[in-house]
Amino acid sequence: MKLRYTDRSKDDVELAFAWYERQRRGLGFEFLDCVEAALQNITDYPEIYQIRYSCFKIMYSMCCLLPM
């Protein structure tokens, strides 16, 4: 399965990364690790996720416990 990233999703990840880094140095990288793990899970098991908007899959993940 090939993943494609929209500009909006890239912007969202960058904003979230910056927010987590402001909370604690290094936390943004922990967040990115969680994003990567979630995306790898989608790639490995695409059939378990809902399809949204024709070809988009959605995943709700709590792979990491990060502060909000």
C-alpha atoms as a PDB file:
ATOM      1  CA  MET A   1       0.000   0.000   0.000  1.00  0.00           C
ATOM      2  CA  LYS A   2       1.301   3.419  -0.938  1.00  0.00           C
ATOM      3  CA  LEU A   3       0.629   6.341   1.389  1.00  0.00           C
ATOM      4  CA  ARG A   4       0.174   9.850   0.090  1.00  0.00           C
ATOM      5  CA  TYR A   5       0.336  12.897   2.299  1.00  0.00           C
ATOM      6  CA  THR A   6      -1.843  15.926   1.653  1.00  0.00           C
ATOM      7  CA  ASP A   7      -0.458  19.404   2.191  1.00  0.00           C
ATOM      8  CA  ARG A   8      -2.957  19.864   4.997  1.00  0.00           C
ATOM      9  CA  SER A   9      -1.813  16.697   6.772  1.00  0.00           C
ATOM     10  CA  LYS A  10       1.819  17.793   6.495  1.00  0.00           C
ATOM     11  CA  ASP A  11       0.918  21.189   7.947  1.00  0.00           C
ATOM     12  CA  ASP A  12      -1.016  19.549  10.804  1.00  0.00           C
ATOM     13  CA  VAL A  13       1.925  17.317  11.707  1.00  0.00           C
ATOM     14  CA  GLU A  14       4.342  20.246  11.621  1.00  0.00           C
ATOM     15  CA  LEU A  15       2.079  22.327  13.873  1.00  0.00           C
ATOM     16  CA  ALA A  16       1.621  19.449  16.301  1.00  0.00           C
ATOM     17  CA  PHE A  17       5.367  18.795  16.341  1.00  0.00           C
ATOM     18  CA  ALA A  18       6.077  22.432  17.199  1.00  0.00           C
ATOM     19  CA  TRP A  19       3.415  22.425  19.937  1.00  0.00           C
ATOM     20  CA  TYR A  20       4.829  19.290  21.572  1.00  0.00           C
ATOM     21  CA  GLU A  21       8.366  20.677  21.384  1.00  0.00           C
ATOM     22  CA  ARG A  22       7.193  23.803  23.218  1.00  0.00           C
ATOM     23  CA  GLN A  23       5.778  21.583  25.966  1.00  0.00           C
ATOM     24  CA  ARG A  24       9.034  19.683  26.434  1.00  0.00           C
ATOM     25  CA  ARG A  25      12.155  19.446  24.337  1.00  0.00           C
ATOM     26  CA  GLY A  26      12.215  16.113  22.516  1.00  0.00           C
ATOM     27  CA  LEU A  27       8.495  15.493  22.910  1.00  0.00           C
ATOM     28  CA  GLY A  28       7.887  16.510  19.307  1.00  0.00           C
ATOM     29  CA  PHE A  29      10.130  13.665  18.193  1.00  0.00           C
ATOM     30  CA  GLU A  30       8.174  11.241  20.385  1.00  0.00           C
ATOM     31  CA  PHE A  31       5.060  12.501  18.626  1.00  0.00           C
ATOM     32  CA  LEU A  32       6.638  11.874  15.219  1.00  0.00           C
ATOM     33  CA  ASP A  33       7.524   8.336  16.330  1.00  0.00           C
ATOM     34  CA  CYS A  34       3.852   7.788  17.189  1.00  0.00           C
ATOM     35  CA  VAL A  35       2.766   9.121  13.804  1.00  0.00           C
ATOM     36  CA  GLU A  36       5.232   6.816  12.057  1.00  0.00           C
ATOM     37  CA  ALA A  37       4.022   3.811  14.075  1.00  0.00           C
ATOM     38  CA  ALA A  38       0.399   4.601  13.214  1.00  0.00           C
ATOM     39  CA  LEU A  39       1.193   4.970   9.513  1.00  0.00           C
ATOM     40  CA  GLN A  40       3.158   1.733   9.528  1.00  0.00           C
ATOM     41  CA  ASN A  41       0.152   0.026  11.108  1.00  0.00           C
ATOM     42  CA  ILE A  42      -2.089   1.315   8.315  1.00  0.00           C
ATOM     43  CA  THR A  43       0.398   0.076   5.725  1.00  0.00           C
ATOM     44  CA  ASP A  44       0.647  -3.347   7.374  1.00  0.00           C
ATOM     45  CA  TYR A  45      -3.082  -3.825   8.063  1.00  0.00           C
ATOM     46  CA  PRO A  46      -5.071  -1.566   5.691  1.00  0.00           C
ATOM     47  CA  GLU A  47      -8.167  -3.763   5.792  1.00  0.00           C
ATOM     48  CA  ILE A  48      -8.952  -2.965   9.432  1.00  0.00           C
ATOM     49  CA  TYR A  49      -9.434   0.779   8.873  1.00  0.00           C
ATOM     50  CA  GLN A  50     -12.497   2.598   7.623  1.00  0.00           C
ATOM     51  CA  ILE A  51     -12.403   4.125   4.163  1.00  0.00           C
ATOM     52  CA  ARG A  52     -13.381   7.792   4.135  1.00  0.00           C
ATOM     53  CA  TYR A  53     -13.788  10.102   1.172  1.00  0.00           C
ATOM     54  CA  SER A  54     -13.413   7.383  -1.495  1.00  0.00           C
ATOM     55  CA  CYS A  55      -9.766   6.365  -0.989  1.00  0.00           C
ATOM     56  CA  PHE A  56      -8.805   7.848   2.378  1.00  0.00           C
ATOM     57  CA  LYS A  57      -8.493   5.625   5.405  1.00  0.00           C
ATOM     58  CA  ILE A  58      -8.973   6.888   8.923  1.00  0.00           C
ATOM     59  CA  MET A  59      -7.253   5.731  12.061  1.00  0.00           C
ATOM     60  CA  TYR A  60      -7.857   6.704  15.630  1.00  0.00           C
ATOM     61  CA  SER A  61      -4.772   5.800  17.571  1.00  0.00           C
ATOM     62  CA  MET A  62      -3.598   6.136  21.097  1.00  0.00           C
ATOM     63  CA  CYS A  63      -0.219   4.557  20.463  1.00  0.00           C
ATOM     64  CA  CYS A  64       1.527   7.003  22.781  1.00  0.00           C
ATOM     65  CA  LEU A  65       0.544   8.844  25.895  1.00  0.00           C
ATOM     66  CA  LEU A  66       1.420  12.443  25.114  1.00  0.00           C
ATOM     67  CA  PRO A  67       0.244  15.459  27.100  1.00  0.00           C
ATOM     68  CA  MET A  68      -2.543  17.579  25.696  1.00  0.00           C
END
